[in-house]
Amino acid sequence: MPSRSGTRRKASRRAILKSALAGIATLAAPPVLGQAKAHVIVIGGGFAGATCARRLKAADGTIAVTLVEPNARFTACPFSNAVIAGLRPIEAQYFGYDGVKQAGVDIAGQIVVAIEAEARQVHFADGARLDYQRLVLAPGIDIRFDALPGYDQTAAEIMPHAWKAGAQTLLLRRQLEAMADGGVVVLSAPANPFRCPPGPYERASLIAYYLKTKKPRSKLILLDAKDTFSKQRLFEAAWKTLYPGLIEWVPLSGGGRVIEIDAKTRTLVTEFGSHLADVANVIPPQRAGAVAIAAGVADQTGWCPIDPHTFESKLVPNIHVIGDAAIAGAMPKSAFAANAQAKVCADMIASLIRGEDPREVKLINTCYSLVAPDYGISVAGVYAPRDGLLTEIKEAGGVSPLEAPAAQREAEATYAQAWFQTITREVFG
């Protein structure tokens, strides 16, 4: 989720947000393709891929850019937890690619079946091939159905993960609506790393809001494979105030790691016992999207090591990896981070094509979470390459104050909405 150099002076949180959202690039007119001096292919049309494709055209209009995305529309994950809680229609998560096309990017609605790195070719399911000078992979995440015994694609239709927005989001919402008052919702959170570190806790919060307002005799149990989590003190303070007795968080040391699933009985088994759920939301381990695995840019962890200056793969030359699939050091896997990485990667590719040396960069990430519709919290960080990884610059970011008035929590909820509107307009509008 934008990269910019700036002072090292500690800014206010509002100033950080203003800086992060300002300065949407003016897009260059599309070039005459016969005059293009290079062709860059971007695979994946989410926050990372669509941003990178547009930014490449802005950075150098002579570069021919093709965005490969088989889906005609993108379904955004940020704010999908609000869809689950009945606070937002799923249609508000849908975005098309007309704006990307208008920026001069060619759209290939194709499925990639192979990448020949040595030949610098991408092969499609219909037999077509495209040559590239540089390739950008923005494949997001795939669910590791091999990592949790008993949890496979069939089980996910009974105990949804809803960690890819769309049909699973609506399935979990319908299950909550159908559950009787007094039912038990069990949510399991995986060990790091995974997409959107605060996401399970925002989801628990908004499901708790739904239960409090619609089914007040119900309860939510949050089984966690970790002893600590993002924005933990803020979430726990909010739960104590807003949802006393409704959310039970079970950490790793208390037996929170799920080791087996029985989908037929909706049972989650831990090292300390088992939990029978009326509605179960299983968020399993994840890895980089399948195309990254096929291209050979993922290591044994399932994620993709990259040069933190250019986002070029450390395993395969001329291929860059951005967004959730990349091993980005201290920078979390979020839409804001993906947007920031995409801009840096595009600028670096344009420089490399022109034969210029990569410049020093800084990237920013701000992550908002809703605890209730009018209660927001956030964390911000600034990152720079150091010792082969993206490292957080100390004192440059921060989190929402623990003791903040209701007006500030409401304002942060408003900022979250404004951020989503701004980033989606920039990327897809």
Protein backbone atom coordinates (compact mmCIF):
# COMPACT_ATOMS: atom_id res chain seq x y z
CA MET A 1 0.00 0.00 0.00
CA PRO A 2 3.61 5.20 -1.78
CA SER A 3 7.19 5.73 -1.81
CA ARG A 4 8.73 9.10 -1.36
CA SER A 5 11.92 10.59 -0.06
CA GLY A 6 11.61 13.24 2.59
CA THR A 7 12.91 14.55 5.82
CA ARG A 8 13.71 12.28 8.71
CA ARG A 9 11.79 14.61 10.96
CA LYS A 10 9.06 12.80 12.84
CA ALA A 11 5.79 13.93 11.29
CA SER A 12 2.34 13.87 12.78
CA ARG A 13 0.23 10.89 11.80
CA ARG A 14 -2.09 13.14 9.81
CA ALA A 15 0.89 14.61 7.96
CA ILE A 16 2.14 11.10 7.14
CA LEU A 17 -1.23 10.21 5.64
CA LYS A 18 -1.44 13.48 3.70
CA SER A 19 2.05 12.92 2.31
CA ALA A 20 1.28 9.31 1.43
CA LEU A 21 -1.87 10.12 -0.52
CA ALA A 22 -0.69 13.29 -2.23
CA GLY A 23 0.78 13.68 -5.67
CA ILE A 24 -1.06 11.20 -7.85
CA ALA A 25 1.03 10.97 -11.01
CA THR A 26 -0.15 12.58 -14.24
CA LEU A 27 -0.19 9.78 -16.78
CA ALA A 28 1.71 10.15 -20.03
CA ALA A 29 -0.02 9.76 -23.38
CA PRO A 30 0.36 6.26 -24.85
CA PRO A 31 3.32 5.90 -27.20
CA VAL A 32 3.29 4.75 -30.80
CA LEU A 33 4.05 1.07 -30.30
CA GLY A 34 6.39 0.95 -33.26
CA GLN A 35 8.62 3.42 -31.45
CA ALA A 36 8.69 1.53 -28.17
CA LYS A 37 12.22 0.79 -27.05
CA ALA A 38 11.26 -1.87 -24.53
CA HIS A 39 8.38 -4.10 -23.53
CA VAL A 40 7.52 -4.74 -19.89
CA ILE A 41 4.92 -7.34 -18.93
CA VAL A 42 3.17 -7.09 -15.57
CA ILE A 43 1.33 -10.19 -14.37
CA GLY A 44 -1.42 -9.60 -11.81
CA GLY A 45 -3.99 -6.79 -11.77
CA GLY A 46 -4.29 -6.00 -8.06
CA PHE A 47 -3.00 -3.01 -6.13
CA ALA A 48 0.61 -3.89 -6.99
CA GLY A 49 0.31 -4.91 -10.62
CA ALA A 50 -2.15 -2.25 -11.83
CA THR A 51 -0.17 0.46 -10.03
CA CYS A 52 3.11 -0.71 -11.56
CA ALA A 53 1.70 -0.82 -15.08
CA ARG A 54 0.31 2.72 -14.85
CA ARG A 55 3.44 4.07 -13.20
CA LEU A 56 5.64 2.61 -15.94
CA LYS A 57 3.70 4.57 -18.55
CA ALA A 58 4.07 7.72 -16.45
CA ALA A 59 7.79 7.14 -15.92
CA ASP A 60 8.58 6.54 -19.60
CA GLY A 61 5.87 6.75 -22.23
CA THR A 62 8.01 4.98 -24.84
CA ILE A 63 7.92 1.71 -22.88
CA ALA A 64 5.25 -0.71 -24.11
CA VAL A 65 3.45 -2.11 -21.07
CA THR A 66 1.14 -5.13 -21.01
CA LEU A 67 -0.88 -5.97 -17.92
CA VAL A 68 -1.83 -9.66 -17.83
CA GLU A 69 -4.97 -10.29 -15.80
CA PRO A 70 -7.55 -12.97 -16.71
CA ASN A 71 -10.32 -11.45 -14.59
CA ALA A 72 -12.37 -8.57 -15.99
CA ARG A 73 -12.69 -7.01 -12.55
CA PHE A 74 -10.70 -6.87 -9.34
CA THR A 75 -12.24 -7.58 -5.94
CA ALA A 76 -10.42 -5.62 -3.22
CA CYS A 77 -9.55 -7.21 0.11
CA PRO A 78 -9.32 -3.96 2.16
CA PHE A 79 -12.76 -3.31 3.69
CA SER A 80 -13.93 -6.84 2.85
CA ASN A 81 -14.19 -7.48 6.60
CA ALA A 82 -16.90 -4.81 6.62
CA VAL A 83 -18.71 -6.82 3.94
CA ILE A 84 -18.57 -9.90 6.17
CA ALA A 85 -20.09 -7.90 9.04
CA GLY A 86 -22.93 -6.63 6.85
CA LEU A 87 -21.69 -3.04 6.88
CA ARG A 88 -20.85 -2.79 3.19
CA PRO A 89 -22.07 -4.33 -0.08
CA ILE A 90 -19.68 -6.58 -1.97
CA GLU A 91 -20.23 -4.41 -5.03
CA ALA A 92 -18.24 -1.65 -3.31
CA GLN A 93 -15.19 -3.92 -3.61
CA TYR A 94 -15.37 -4.30 -7.39
CA PHE A 95 -13.06 -2.36 -9.74
CA GLY A 96 -12.49 -2.57 -13.49
CA TYR A 97 -9.51 -1.79 -15.72
CA ASP A 98 -10.85 1.00 -17.95
CA GLY A 99 -8.65 3.55 -16.20
CA VAL A 100 -5.59 1.37 -16.70
CA LYS A 101 -6.36 1.07 -20.41
CA GLN A 102 -6.83 4.82 -20.70
CA ALA A 103 -3.33 5.25 -19.27
CA GLY A 104 -1.93 3.53 -22.37
CA VAL A 105 -1.48 0.05 -20.89
CA ASP A 106 -2.40 -2.96 -23.02
CA ILE A 107 -4.60 -5.45 -21.15
CA ALA A 108 -4.19 -9.16 -21.87
CA GLY A 109 -7.10 -11.11 -20.38
CA GLN A 110 -5.08 -14.31 -20.50
CA ILE A 111 -4.05 -17.18 -18.25
CA VAL A 112 -0.28 -17.66 -17.99
CA VAL A 113 0.81 -21.27 -18.40
CA ALA A 114 4.60 -20.86 -18.53
CA ILE A 115 7.42 -18.35 -18.20
CA GLU A 116 10.68 -18.93 -20.07
CA ALA A 117 13.12 -16.76 -18.17
CA GLU A 118 16.09 -17.38 -20.45
CA ALA A 119 14.11 -16.61 -23.59
CA ARG A 120 12.22 -13.81 -21.78
CA GLN A 121 8.86 -15.09 -22.95
CA VAL A 122 5.45 -15.49 -21.34
CA HIS A 123 3.24 -18.30 -22.67
CA PHE A 124 -0.55 -18.14 -22.51
CA ALA A 125 -3.25 -20.81 -22.39
CA ASP A 126 -4.42 -20.00 -25.95
CA GLY A 127 -0.93 -20.69 -27.34
CA ALA A 128 0.10 -17.06 -27.71
CA ARG A 129 3.49 -15.80 -26.52
CA LEU A 130 4.81 -12.40 -25.56
CA ASP A 131 8.45 -11.33 -25.35
CA TYR A 132 9.60 -9.01 -22.59
CA GLN A 133 12.66 -7.07 -21.59
CA ARG A 134 11.55 -6.93 -17.97
CA LEU A 135 8.81 -8.96 -16.27
CA VAL A 136 6.96 -7.90 -13.12
CA LEU A 137 5.11 -10.49 -11.06
CA ALA A 138 2.36 -9.27 -8.73
CA PRO A 139 0.51 -12.55 -8.10
CA GLY A 140 -0.65 -11.93 -4.53
CA ILE A 141 -1.05 -14.98 -2.33
CA ASP A 142 -2.31 -18.52 -2.62
CA ILE A 143 -3.75 -20.54 0.23
CA ARG A 144 -1.55 -23.44 1.35
CA PHE A 145 -4.09 -26.24 1.44
CA ASP A 146 -1.24 -28.66 2.19
CA ALA A 147 -0.27 -26.95 5.44
CA LEU A 148 -3.20 -27.75 7.75
CA PRO A 149 -4.40 -31.37 7.95
CA GLY A 150 -8.06 -31.66 7.05
CA TYR A 151 -8.28 -28.25 5.40
CA ASP A 152 -8.62 -28.40 1.64
CA GLN A 153 -10.73 -26.66 -0.98
CA THR A 154 -13.76 -28.78 -0.09
CA ALA A 155 -13.37 -27.91 3.59
CA ALA A 156 -13.11 -24.23 2.66
CA GLU A 157 -16.69 -24.38 1.36
CA ILE A 158 -17.79 -25.37 4.87
CA MET A 159 -15.26 -23.41 6.95
CA PRO A 160 -14.34 -20.47 4.68
CA HIS A 161 -11.03 -18.66 4.83
CA ALA A 162 -12.35 -15.52 3.07
CA TRP A 163 -8.72 -14.39 2.67
CA LYS A 164 -9.26 -13.82 -1.04
CA ALA A 165 -12.14 -11.42 -1.41
CA GLY A 166 -15.17 -12.55 -3.40
CA ALA A 167 -17.25 -15.69 -3.11
CA GLN A 168 -15.62 -16.72 0.17
CA THR A 169 -16.38 -13.30 1.66
CA LEU A 170 -20.08 -13.73 0.89
CA LEU A 171 -20.09 -17.34 2.11
CA LEU A 172 -18.82 -16.32 5.54
CA ARG A 173 -21.31 -13.46 5.68
CA ARG A 174 -24.22 -15.79 4.87
CA GLN A 175 -23.10 -18.26 7.52
CA LEU A 176 -23.08 -15.54 10.17
CA GLU A 177 -26.53 -14.40 9.10
CA ALA A 178 -27.86 -17.97 9.30
CA MET A 179 -26.34 -18.74 12.70
CA ALA A 180 -28.75 -18.80 15.64
CA ASP A 181 -28.34 -16.27 18.41
CA GLY A 182 -26.18 -17.88 21.08
CA GLY A 183 -23.93 -19.58 18.54
CA VAL A 184 -20.14 -19.76 18.69
CA VAL A 185 -17.92 -18.29 15.98
CA VAL A 186 -14.37 -19.65 15.90
CA LEU A 187 -11.71 -17.77 13.93
CA SER A 188 -8.17 -19.09 13.53
CA ALA A 189 -5.18 -16.87 12.68
CA PRO A 190 -1.96 -18.30 11.19
CA ALA A 191 1.67 -17.80 12.10
CA ASN A 192 3.64 -15.09 10.30
CA PRO A 193 4.11 -14.25 7.48
CA PHE A 194 0.72 -13.82 5.85
CA ARG A 195 -1.31 -11.21 3.99
CA CYS A 196 -2.46 -8.25 6.13
CA PRO A 197 -1.09 -8.92 9.64
CA PRO A 198 -3.84 -6.92 11.44
CA GLY A 199 -6.57 -8.46 9.25
CA PRO A 200 -7.68 -11.35 11.51
CA TYR A 201 -8.07 -8.98 14.46
CA GLU A 202 -10.03 -6.42 12.47
CA ARG A 203 -12.23 -9.28 11.28
CA ALA A 204 -12.74 -10.51 14.83
CA SER A 205 -13.67 -6.96 15.85
CA LEU A 206 -16.24 -6.44 13.09
CA ILE A 207 -17.76 -9.89 13.54
CA ALA A 208 -18.03 -9.03 17.24
CA TYR A 209 -19.81 -5.80 16.25
CA TYR A 210 -22.25 -7.83 14.16
CA LEU A 211 -22.87 -10.28 17.00
CA LYS A 212 -23.30 -7.49 19.56
CA THR A 213 -25.88 -5.71 17.44
CA LYS A 214 -27.65 -8.71 15.84
CA LYS A 215 -27.00 -11.82 17.95
CA PRO A 216 -25.94 -10.61 21.41
CA ARG A 217 -25.97 -14.03 23.12
CA SER A 218 -23.25 -15.29 20.78
CA LYS A 219 -19.49 -15.46 21.30
CA LEU A 220 -16.30 -15.36 19.23
CA ILE A 221 -13.20 -17.43 19.99
CA LEU A 222 -10.00 -16.29 18.27
CA LEU A 223 -7.43 -19.10 18.07
CA ASP A 224 -3.99 -17.71 17.29
CA ALA A 225 -0.72 -19.36 16.21
CA LYS A 226 1.16 -16.37 17.70
CA ASP A 227 1.63 -14.85 21.15
CA THR A 228 1.71 -11.29 19.81
CA PHE A 229 0.07 -9.53 16.89
CA SER A 230 -0.06 -6.20 15.07
CA LYS A 231 -1.62 -3.30 17.01
CA GLN A 232 -2.30 -5.72 19.85
CA ARG A 233 -2.61 -3.20 22.70
CA LEU A 234 -4.98 -1.07 20.65
CA PHE A 235 -7.18 -4.00 19.67
CA GLU A 236 -7.31 -5.43 23.18
CA ALA A 237 -8.16 -2.07 24.72
CA ALA A 238 -10.95 -1.62 22.18
CA TRP A 239 -12.30 -5.13 22.79
CA LYS A 240 -12.42 -4.48 26.52
CA THR A 241 -14.40 -1.30 25.96
CA LEU A 242 -16.65 -2.28 23.07
CA TYR A 243 -17.05 -6.05 23.36
CA PRO A 244 -16.53 -7.13 26.99
CA GLY A 245 -16.89 -10.90 27.33
CA LEU A 246 -17.66 -11.36 23.64
CA ILE A 247 -14.17 -12.04 22.23
CA GLU A 248 -11.90 -14.70 23.72
CA TRP A 249 -8.36 -14.55 22.32
CA VAL A 250 -6.36 -17.78 22.76
CA PRO A 251 -2.64 -17.22 22.04
CA LEU A 252 -0.07 -19.79 20.95
CA SER A 253 1.14 -20.34 24.51
CA GLY A 254 -2.44 -20.94 25.62
CA GLY A 255 -3.14 -23.58 23.00
CA GLY A 256 -4.23 -21.33 20.15
CA ARG A 257 -2.39 -23.00 17.27
CA VAL A 258 -4.76 -25.07 15.15
CA ILE A 259 -3.15 -28.36 14.07
CA GLU A 260 -6.09 -30.14 12.42
CA ILE A 261 -9.52 -29.46 10.94
CA ASP A 262 -12.63 -31.65 10.88
CA ALA A 263 -14.88 -29.88 8.40
CA LYS A 264 -17.80 -32.31 8.78
CA THR A 265 -18.25 -31.38 12.43
CA ARG A 266 -16.82 -27.83 12.15
CA THR A 267 -14.18 -28.73 14.73
CA LEU A 268 -10.79 -27.01 15.08
CA VAL A 269 -8.22 -29.13 16.91
CA THR A 270 -5.36 -27.50 18.83
CA GLU A 271 -2.49 -28.93 20.85
CA PHE A 272 -4.52 -28.31 24.02
CA GLY A 273 -7.96 -29.50 22.93
CA SER A 274 -10.67 -28.90 20.34
CA HIS A 275 -13.28 -26.24 19.57
CA LEU A 276 -16.67 -26.95 18.02
CA ALA A 277 -17.94 -24.01 15.98
CA ASP A 278 -21.32 -23.00 14.66
CA VAL A 279 -19.44 -20.80 12.20
CA ALA A 280 -15.73 -21.36 11.58
CA ASN A 281 -13.40 -18.98 9.76
CA VAL A 282 -10.08 -20.73 9.12
CA ILE A 283 -7.28 -18.45 7.91
CA PRO A 284 -4.59 -20.95 6.90
CA PRO A 285 -0.90 -20.47 6.03
CA GLN A 286 -0.18 -18.85 2.67
CA ARG A 287 2.51 -18.54 0.02
CA ALA A 288 3.22 -16.50 -3.09
CA GLY A 289 0.78 -16.89 -5.96
CA ALA A 290 1.22 -19.88 -8.26
CA VAL A 291 2.82 -17.99 -11.14
CA ALA A 292 5.72 -16.99 -8.87
CA ILE A 293 6.31 -20.62 -7.96
CA ALA A 294 6.19 -21.61 -11.65
CA ALA A 295 8.64 -18.84 -12.59
CA GLY A 296 11.17 -20.10 -10.03
CA VAL A 297 11.33 -16.84 -8.08
CA ALA A 298 10.05 -18.31 -4.78
CA ASP A 299 12.43 -19.96 -2.33
CA GLN A 300 11.80 -22.80 0.11
CA THR A 301 9.62 -20.54 2.29
CA GLY A 302 7.12 -20.15 -0.54
CA TRP A 303 7.83 -16.40 -0.78
CA CYS A 304 10.05 -14.44 -3.18
CA PRO A 305 13.41 -12.91 -2.16
CA ILE A 306 14.05 -9.60 -3.92
CA ASP A 307 16.61 -6.83 -4.18
CA PRO A 308 15.09 -4.14 -1.92
CA HIS A 309 16.26 -1.34 -4.22
CA THR A 310 14.74 -2.58 -7.51
CA PHE A 311 12.48 -5.48 -6.42
CA GLU A 312 14.33 -7.67 -8.93
CA SER A 313 14.26 -11.34 -7.99
CA LYS A 314 17.37 -12.64 -6.26
CA LEU A 315 16.81 -15.99 -7.97
CA VAL A 316 15.93 -15.13 -11.59
CA PRO A 317 17.29 -12.08 -13.46
CA ASN A 318 15.03 -9.59 -15.26
CA ILE A 319 11.99 -10.63 -13.19
CA HIS A 320 10.73 -8.31 -10.46
CA VAL A 321 8.32 -9.30 -7.68
CA ILE A 322 6.10 -6.83 -5.81
CA GLY A 323 3.26 -6.90 -3.33
CA ASP A 324 2.24 -9.74 -1.04
CA ALA A 325 4.39 -12.34 -2.81
CA ALA A 326 7.70 -10.57 -2.08
CA ILE A 327 9.94 -11.01 0.94
CA ALA A 328 10.05 -7.33 1.84
CA GLY A 329 11.83 -7.45 5.20
CA ALA A 330 10.09 -5.35 7.82
CA MET A 331 7.50 -4.04 5.37
CA PRO A 332 4.17 -5.84 5.90
CA LYS A 333 2.02 -7.44 3.24
CA SER A 334 -0.70 -4.85 2.68
CA ALA A 335 -2.44 -2.99 -0.16
CA PHE A 336 -0.70 0.25 0.84
CA ALA A 337 2.69 -1.51 0.81
CA ALA A 338 1.93 -3.12 -2.56
CA ASN A 339 1.08 0.28 -4.04
CA ALA A 340 4.29 1.80 -2.68
CA GLN A 341 6.48 -1.05 -3.89
CA ALA A 342 4.89 -0.92 -7.34
CA LYS A 343 5.77 2.75 -7.78
CA VAL A 344 9.38 2.22 -6.76
CA CYS A 345 9.69 -0.88 -8.93
CA ALA A 346 8.27 0.92 -11.98
CA ASP A 347 10.60 3.88 -11.56
CA MET A 348 13.57 1.55 -11.13
CA ILE A 349 12.68 -0.47 -14.23
CA ALA A 350 12.42 2.72 -16.27
CA SER A 351 15.85 3.78 -14.98
CA LEU A 352 17.39 0.38 -15.72
CA ILE A 353 16.01 0.41 -19.26
CA ARG A 354 17.55 3.86 -19.74
CA GLY A 355 20.86 2.58 -18.36
CA GLU A 356 20.71 4.74 -15.24
CA ASP A 357 21.88 3.70 -11.79
CA PRO A 358 19.14 2.91 -9.24
CA ARG A 359 18.52 5.75 -6.78
CA GLU A 360 18.06 5.53 -3.05
CA VAL A 361 14.46 5.07 -2.01
CA LYS A 362 12.17 5.20 1.00
CA LEU A 363 8.76 3.59 1.17
CA ILE A 364 5.85 4.28 3.47
CA ASN A 365 3.06 2.04 4.71
CA THR A 366 -0.03 3.06 6.64
CA CYS A 367 -2.44 0.36 7.73
CA TYR A 368 -5.91 1.20 9.05
CA SER A 369 -8.15 -1.20 10.94
CA LEU A 370 -11.79 -0.77 11.87
CA VAL A 371 -12.76 -2.04 15.31
CA ALA A 372 -16.30 -0.72 14.81
CA PRO A 373 -17.86 1.40 12.03
CA ASP A 374 -16.91 4.60 13.87
CA TYR A 375 -13.76 3.34 15.61
CA GLY A 376 -10.49 3.22 13.66
CA ILE A 377 -6.87 2.56 14.62
CA SER A 378 -3.73 2.65 12.49
CA VAL A 379 -0.02 2.04 12.25
CA ALA A 380 2.45 3.78 9.95
CA GLY A 381 6.03 2.96 9.05
CA VAL A 382 8.81 4.21 6.77
CA TYR A 383 11.24 1.74 5.21
CA ALA A 384 14.56 1.85 3.36
CA PRO A 385 16.94 -0.78 1.91
CA ARG A 386 19.61 -1.89 4.34
CA ASP A 387 21.73 -5.06 4.42
CA GLY A 388 19.73 -6.65 1.61
CA LEU A 389 16.30 -6.08 3.16
CA LEU A 390 13.75 -3.34 3.61
CA THR A 391 14.32 -2.07 7.14
CA GLU A 392 12.03 0.16 9.17
CA ILE A 393 13.39 3.62 9.92
CA LYS A 394 13.04 4.11 13.65
CA GLU A 395 11.01 7.04 14.93
CA ALA A 396 9.62 7.75 11.45
CA GLY A 397 6.23 6.09 11.94
CA GLY A 398 4.03 5.21 14.85
CA VAL A 399 0.65 3.89 15.97
CA SER A 400 -2.57 5.46 17.13
CA PRO A 401 -2.40 6.68 20.75
CA LEU A 402 -3.57 4.08 23.25
CA GLU A 403 -5.51 6.68 25.21
CA ALA A 404 -7.39 8.62 22.55
CA PRO A 405 -10.79 10.30 22.70
CA ALA A 406 -13.75 8.91 20.80
CA ALA A 407 -13.51 11.78 18.31
CA GLN A 408 -10.01 10.66 17.28
CA ARG A 409 -11.13 7.05 16.82
CA GLU A 410 -14.02 8.27 14.68
CA ALA A 411 -11.67 10.46 12.66
CA GLU A 412 -9.37 7.50 11.98
CA ALA A 413 -12.36 5.49 10.72
CA THR A 414 -13.05 8.39 8.34
CA TYR A 415 -9.38 8.50 7.27
CA ALA A 416 -9.58 4.78 6.49
CA GLN A 417 -12.52 5.35 4.16
CA ALA A 418 -10.71 8.28 2.52
CA TRP A 419 -7.58 6.19 2.00
CA PHE A 420 -9.55 3.41 0.30
CA GLN A 421 -11.35 5.83 -2.00
CA THR A 422 -8.09 7.57 -2.88
CA ILE A 423 -6.00 4.47 -3.59
CA THR A 424 -8.68 2.74 -5.65
CA ARG A 425 -9.26 5.90 -7.68
CA GLU A 426 -5.52 6.25 -8.28
CA VAL A 427 -5.01 2.61 -9.25
CA PHE A 428 -8.20 1.80 -11.18
CA GLY A 429 -9.98 5.10 -11.84
